[in-house]
Amino acid sequence: MKAIVTHVEKQTLPQFNKATGQDEPTLVVATTVEFFKDDGTLYHTQTYAQRPEEIDANDPQAYFDKQASVLQADVEGAASHVQDEAASKLADEIVAKLTPQPDAPQED
């Protein structure tokens, strides 16, 4: 999975302040990121709003690369789950077709 930043801008958005109990204008970096699977297909688009101090100034792409890794694990986990479900369904079909014979010797 690869994270591609498609839009980034500085914005001021309201954010709740616990001390005052009110929304207050907060400076954020708004970033739109597209996540592409390894085959090049778009998997997901996400917009993030982060305060500047939450971003690693030396490697601002690192956060999005980490998100891409998390999404890749989700994709692989979902694929594994689908495979498990398919195998379970096939096993159910086989069990239904292979009925024991009433006069067969019993297992001990």
N, C-alpha and C. Protein backbone atom coordinates (compact mmCIF):
# COMPACT_ATOMS: atom_id res chain seq x y z
N MET A 1 0.86 -1.16 0.00
CA MET A 1 0.00 0.00 0.00
C MET A 1 0.91 1.22 0.00
N LYS A 2 0.50 2.20 -0.80
CA LYS A 2 1.30 3.41 -0.92
C LYS A 2 0.42 4.62 -0.62
N ALA A 3 0.92 5.56 0.17
CA ALA A 3 0.21 6.78 0.52
C ALA A 3 0.69 7.92 -0.36
N ILE A 4 -0.24 8.56 -1.08
CA ILE A 4 0.09 9.68 -1.95
C ILE A 4 -0.67 10.91 -1.45
N VAL A 5 0.05 11.95 -1.08
CA VAL A 5 -0.58 13.20 -0.66
C VAL A 5 -1.06 13.91 -1.92
N THR A 6 -2.37 14.20 -1.96
CA THR A 6 -2.94 14.85 -3.14
C THR A 6 -3.28 16.32 -2.89
N HIS A 7 -3.39 16.72 -1.64
CA HIS A 7 -3.70 18.11 -1.32
C HIS A 7 -3.26 18.40 0.10
N VAL A 8 -2.68 19.57 0.31
CA VAL A 8 -2.29 19.96 1.67
C VAL A 8 -2.43 21.48 1.77
N GLU A 9 -2.97 21.94 2.90
CA GLU A 9 -3.08 23.37 3.13
C GLU A 9 -3.18 23.66 4.62
N LYS A 10 -2.82 24.87 4.97
CA LYS A 10 -2.94 25.35 6.34
C LYS A 10 -4.36 25.88 6.50
N GLN A 11 -5.04 25.46 7.58
CA GLN A 11 -6.41 25.90 7.84
C GLN A 11 -6.57 26.23 9.32
N THR A 12 -7.60 26.99 9.60
CA THR A 12 -8.00 27.23 10.99
C THR A 12 -9.36 26.58 11.17
N LEU A 13 -9.43 25.62 12.08
CA LEU A 13 -10.66 24.88 12.34
C LEU A 13 -11.02 24.98 13.83
N PRO A 14 -12.31 24.90 14.16
CA PRO A 14 -12.67 24.93 15.58
C PRO A 14 -12.26 23.62 16.26
N GLN A 15 -11.74 23.75 17.47
CA GLN A 15 -11.37 22.58 18.26
C GLN A 15 -11.76 22.85 19.70
N PHE A 16 -12.32 21.84 20.35
CA PHE A 16 -12.80 22.00 21.73
C PHE A 16 -11.63 22.20 22.68
N ASN A 17 -11.75 23.21 23.53
CA ASN A 17 -10.75 23.49 24.55
C ASN A 17 -11.34 23.11 25.90
N LYS A 18 -10.75 22.13 26.57
CA LYS A 18 -11.27 21.67 27.87
C LYS A 18 -11.25 22.78 28.92
N ALA A 19 -10.23 23.62 28.89
CA ALA A 19 -10.10 24.67 29.90
C ALA A 19 -11.23 25.69 29.83
N THR A 20 -11.61 26.07 28.61
CA THR A 20 -12.66 27.07 28.45
C THR A 20 -14.03 26.44 28.23
N GLY A 21 -14.05 25.16 27.85
CA GLY A 21 -15.31 24.48 27.57
C GLY A 21 -15.96 24.93 26.26
N GLN A 22 -15.17 25.52 25.38
CA GLN A 22 -15.71 26.02 24.12
C GLN A 22 -14.81 25.63 22.96
N ASP A 23 -15.40 25.69 21.76
CA ASP A 23 -14.61 25.52 20.54
C ASP A 23 -13.80 26.79 20.31
N GLU A 24 -12.53 26.60 19.97
CA GLU A 24 -11.66 27.73 19.69
C GLU A 24 -10.94 27.50 18.37
N PRO A 25 -10.66 28.58 17.63
CA PRO A 25 -9.94 28.43 16.36
C PRO A 25 -8.57 27.80 16.60
N THR A 26 -8.27 26.79 15.80
CA THR A 26 -7.02 26.05 15.95
C THR A 26 -6.36 25.91 14.59
N LEU A 27 -5.08 26.23 14.53
CA LEU A 27 -4.32 26.09 13.29
C LEU A 27 -4.01 24.62 13.05
N VAL A 28 -4.34 24.12 11.85
CA VAL A 28 -4.06 22.72 11.50
C VAL A 28 -3.48 22.66 10.09
N VAL A 29 -2.84 21.54 9.82
CA VAL A 29 -2.42 21.22 8.46
C VAL A 29 -3.42 20.18 7.96
N ALA A 30 -4.21 20.56 6.97
CA ALA A 30 -5.21 19.66 6.39
C ALA A 30 -4.57 18.97 5.19
N THR A 31 -4.57 17.64 5.23
CA THR A 31 -3.90 16.85 4.20
C THR A 31 -4.84 15.79 3.67
N THR A 32 -5.00 15.75 2.36
CA THR A 32 -5.78 14.70 1.72
C THR A 32 -4.80 13.68 1.15
N VAL A 33 -5.03 12.42 1.50
CA VAL A 33 -4.12 11.35 1.11
C VAL A 33 -4.92 10.26 0.39
N GLU A 34 -4.38 9.79 -0.71
CA GLU A 34 -4.97 8.64 -1.41
C GLU A 34 -4.07 7.43 -1.15
N PHE A 35 -4.71 6.33 -0.80
CA PHE A 35 -3.98 5.09 -0.53
C PHE A 35 -4.22 4.13 -1.69
N PHE A 36 -3.12 3.68 -2.30
CA PHE A 36 -3.20 2.79 -3.45
C PHE A 36 -2.66 1.41 -3.09
N LYS A 37 -3.40 0.39 -3.54
CA LYS A 37 -2.92 -0.98 -3.34
C LYS A 37 -1.69 -1.21 -4.22
N ASP A 38 -0.99 -2.30 -3.98
CA ASP A 38 0.23 -2.59 -4.72
C ASP A 38 0.00 -2.73 -6.22
N ASP A 39 -1.22 -3.10 -6.62
CA ASP A 39 -1.50 -3.23 -8.05
C ASP A 39 -1.86 -1.89 -8.69
N GLY A 40 -1.85 -0.80 -7.89
CA GLY A 40 -2.11 0.52 -8.43
C GLY A 40 -3.54 1.00 -8.31
N THR A 41 -4.44 0.16 -7.80
CA THR A 41 -5.84 0.57 -7.64
C THR A 41 -6.00 1.41 -6.38
N LEU A 42 -6.85 2.43 -6.52
CA LEU A 42 -7.15 3.29 -5.38
C LEU A 42 -7.96 2.48 -4.37
N TYR A 43 -7.50 2.47 -3.13
CA TYR A 43 -8.18 1.73 -2.07
C TYR A 43 -9.01 2.65 -1.18
N HIS A 44 -8.46 3.83 -0.86
CA HIS A 44 -9.13 4.69 0.11
C HIS A 44 -8.58 6.11 -0.01
N THR A 45 -9.45 7.10 0.22
CA THR A 45 -9.03 8.50 0.30
C THR A 45 -9.42 9.01 1.68
N GLN A 46 -8.51 9.72 2.31
CA GLN A 46 -8.74 10.21 3.67
C GLN A 46 -8.19 11.62 3.79
N THR A 47 -8.91 12.48 4.52
CA THR A 47 -8.42 13.81 4.83
C THR A 47 -8.10 13.88 6.32
N TYR A 48 -6.92 14.38 6.64
CA TYR A 48 -6.45 14.50 8.01
C TYR A 48 -6.33 15.98 8.37
N ALA A 49 -6.61 16.32 9.60
CA ALA A 49 -6.39 17.67 10.12
C ALA A 49 -5.54 17.53 11.37
N GLN A 50 -4.29 17.92 11.26
CA GLN A 50 -3.35 17.74 12.37
C GLN A 50 -2.76 19.08 12.78
N ARG A 51 -2.62 19.27 14.09
CA ARG A 51 -1.92 20.46 14.56
C ARG A 51 -0.44 20.32 14.16
N PRO A 52 0.22 21.42 13.84
CA PRO A 52 1.62 21.34 13.39
C PRO A 52 2.53 20.59 14.36
N GLU A 53 2.29 20.72 15.67
CA GLU A 53 3.16 20.05 16.64
C GLU A 53 2.95 18.53 16.66
N GLU A 54 1.88 18.05 16.02
CA GLU A 54 1.63 16.60 15.94
C GLU A 54 2.35 15.95 14.76
N ILE A 55 2.96 16.76 13.92
CA ILE A 55 3.60 16.26 12.70
C ILE A 55 5.11 16.24 12.88
N ASP A 56 5.74 15.16 12.45
CA ASP A 56 7.20 15.07 12.47
C ASP A 56 7.73 15.97 11.36
N ALA A 57 8.28 17.11 11.71
CA ALA A 57 8.74 18.09 10.72
C ALA A 57 9.88 17.54 9.86
N ASN A 58 10.65 16.58 10.41
CA ASN A 58 11.75 16.00 9.65
C ASN A 58 11.29 14.98 8.62
N ASP A 59 10.14 14.36 8.88
CA ASP A 59 9.60 13.35 7.96
C ASP A 59 8.07 13.40 8.00
N PRO A 60 7.47 14.44 7.43
CA PRO A 60 6.01 14.57 7.51
C PRO A 60 5.24 13.46 6.80
N GLN A 61 5.87 12.75 5.89
CA GLN A 61 5.24 11.65 5.16
C GLN A 61 5.15 10.38 6.02
N ALA A 62 5.96 10.29 7.07
CA ALA A 62 6.05 9.07 7.88
C ALA A 62 4.70 8.65 8.45
N TYR A 63 3.91 9.58 8.93
CA TYR A 63 2.60 9.26 9.51
C TYR A 63 1.71 8.58 8.48
N PHE A 64 1.71 9.11 7.27
CA PHE A 64 0.85 8.56 6.22
C PHE A 64 1.36 7.20 5.72
N ASP A 65 2.67 7.04 5.72
CA ASP A 65 3.23 5.73 5.37
C ASP A 65 2.84 4.68 6.41
N LYS A 66 2.82 5.09 7.68
CA LYS A 66 2.39 4.17 8.74
C LYS A 66 0.92 3.80 8.55
N GLN A 67 0.08 4.80 8.22
CA GLN A 67 -1.33 4.54 7.95
C GLN A 67 -1.48 3.56 6.78
N ALA A 68 -0.64 3.71 5.77
CA ALA A 68 -0.67 2.80 4.62
C ALA A 68 -0.37 1.38 5.05
N SER A 69 0.60 1.22 5.96
CA SER A 69 0.94 -0.12 6.47
C SER A 69 -0.23 -0.73 7.23
N VAL A 70 -0.91 0.10 8.03
CA VAL A 70 -2.08 -0.38 8.78
C VAL A 70 -3.18 -0.81 7.82
N LEU A 71 -3.44 -0.01 6.80
CA LEU A 71 -4.46 -0.36 5.81
C LEU A 71 -4.08 -1.64 5.06
N GLN A 72 -2.79 -1.80 4.74
CA GLN A 72 -2.34 -3.02 4.06
C GLN A 72 -2.61 -4.24 4.92
N ALA A 73 -2.35 -4.13 6.21
CA ALA A 73 -2.62 -5.24 7.13
C ALA A 73 -4.11 -5.54 7.17
N ASP A 74 -4.96 -4.49 7.13
CA ASP A 74 -6.40 -4.69 7.10
C ASP A 74 -6.83 -5.43 5.84
N VAL A 75 -6.24 -5.03 4.69
CA VAL A 75 -6.57 -5.68 3.42
C VAL A 75 -6.17 -7.15 3.46
N GLU A 76 -4.97 -7.41 3.95
CA GLU A 76 -4.49 -8.80 4.02
C GLU A 76 -5.34 -9.61 4.99
N GLY A 77 -5.71 -9.01 6.11
CA GLY A 77 -6.56 -9.69 7.08
C GLY A 77 -7.92 -10.00 6.51
N ALA A 78 -8.49 -9.04 5.76
CA ALA A 78 -9.80 -9.25 5.14
C ALA A 78 -9.71 -10.35 4.09
N ALA A 79 -8.63 -10.38 3.32
CA ALA A 79 -8.46 -11.42 2.30
C ALA A 79 -8.35 -12.78 2.96
N SER A 80 -7.62 -12.85 4.07
CA SER A 80 -7.48 -14.10 4.80
C SER A 80 -8.82 -14.55 5.35
N HIS A 81 -9.61 -13.61 5.86
CA HIS A 81 -10.94 -13.93 6.39
C HIS A 81 -11.84 -14.47 5.29
N VAL A 82 -11.78 -13.87 4.11
CA VAL A 82 -12.59 -14.33 2.97
C VAL A 82 -12.17 -15.74 2.58
N GLN A 83 -10.85 -16.00 2.58
CA GLN A 83 -10.37 -17.34 2.26
C GLN A 83 -10.84 -18.34 3.31
N ASP A 84 -10.78 -17.95 4.58
CA ASP A 84 -11.24 -18.83 5.65
C ASP A 84 -12.73 -19.14 5.49
N GLU A 85 -13.52 -18.12 5.16
CA GLU A 85 -14.96 -18.33 4.97
C GLU A 85 -15.22 -19.26 3.79
N ALA A 86 -14.48 -19.08 2.70
CA ALA A 86 -14.65 -19.94 1.52
C ALA A 86 -14.29 -21.38 1.86
N ALA A 87 -13.19 -21.57 2.60
CA ALA A 87 -12.79 -22.92 2.99
C ALA A 87 -13.83 -23.55 3.91
N SER A 88 -14.39 -22.76 4.81
CA SER A 88 -15.41 -23.27 5.73
C SER A 88 -16.68 -23.67 4.97
N LYS A 89 -17.05 -22.86 4.00
CA LYS A 89 -18.24 -23.18 3.20
C LYS A 89 -18.01 -24.47 2.40
N LEU A 90 -16.82 -24.60 1.83
CA LEU A 90 -16.50 -25.81 1.07
C LEU A 90 -16.52 -27.03 1.99
N ALA A 91 -15.98 -26.89 3.19
CA ALA A 91 -16.00 -28.00 4.15
C ALA A 91 -17.43 -28.38 4.51
N ASP A 92 -18.31 -27.38 4.68
CA ASP A 92 -19.72 -27.66 4.97
C ASP A 92 -20.37 -28.44 3.84
N GLU A 93 -20.06 -28.05 2.60
CA GLU A 93 -20.63 -28.74 1.44
C GLU A 93 -20.15 -30.19 1.38
N ILE A 94 -18.88 -30.40 1.66
CA ILE A 94 -18.31 -31.75 1.63
C ILE A 94 -18.93 -32.61 2.73
N VAL A 95 -19.05 -32.05 3.93
CA VAL A 95 -19.65 -32.79 5.05
C VAL A 95 -21.09 -33.17 4.71
N ALA A 96 -21.82 -32.27 4.08
CA ALA A 96 -23.21 -32.54 3.71
C ALA A 96 -23.31 -33.66 2.68
N LYS A 97 -22.33 -33.74 1.78
CA LYS A 97 -22.36 -34.76 0.72
C LYS A 97 -21.88 -36.12 1.22
N LEU A 98 -20.97 -36.12 2.18
CA LEU A 98 -20.40 -37.37 2.69
C LEU A 98 -21.15 -37.80 3.94
N THR A 99 -22.26 -38.42 3.76
CA THR A 99 -23.02 -38.90 4.91
C THR A 99 -22.55 -40.31 5.28
N PRO A 100 -22.38 -40.57 6.57
CA PRO A 100 -21.94 -41.91 6.99
C PRO A 100 -23.00 -42.94 6.67
N GLN A 101 -22.53 -44.13 6.33
CA GLN A 101 -23.43 -45.26 6.03
C GLN A 101 -23.86 -45.88 7.36
N PRO A 102 -25.16 -46.20 7.51
CA PRO A 102 -25.64 -46.75 8.78
C PRO A 102 -24.98 -48.07 9.18
N ASP A 103 -24.56 -48.86 8.19
CA ASP A 103 -23.98 -50.14 8.53
C ASP A 103 -22.46 -50.12 8.55
N ALA A 104 -21.85 -48.92 8.50
CA ALA A 104 -20.40 -48.81 8.53
C ALA A 104 -19.89 -49.11 9.93
N PRO A 105 -18.65 -49.67 10.03
CA PRO A 105 -18.09 -49.94 11.36
C PRO A 105 -17.90 -48.61 12.12
N GLN A 106 -18.13 -48.64 13.39
CA GLN A 106 -18.02 -47.44 14.23
C GLN A 106 -16.57 -47.24 14.66
N GLU A 107 -16.19 -45.93 14.75
CA GLU A 107 -14.84 -45.61 15.22
C GLU A 107 -14.81 -45.74 16.73
N ASP A 108 -13.62 -46.13 17.27
CA ASP A 108 -13.46 -46.19 18.72
C ASP A 108 -12.63 -45.07 19.22
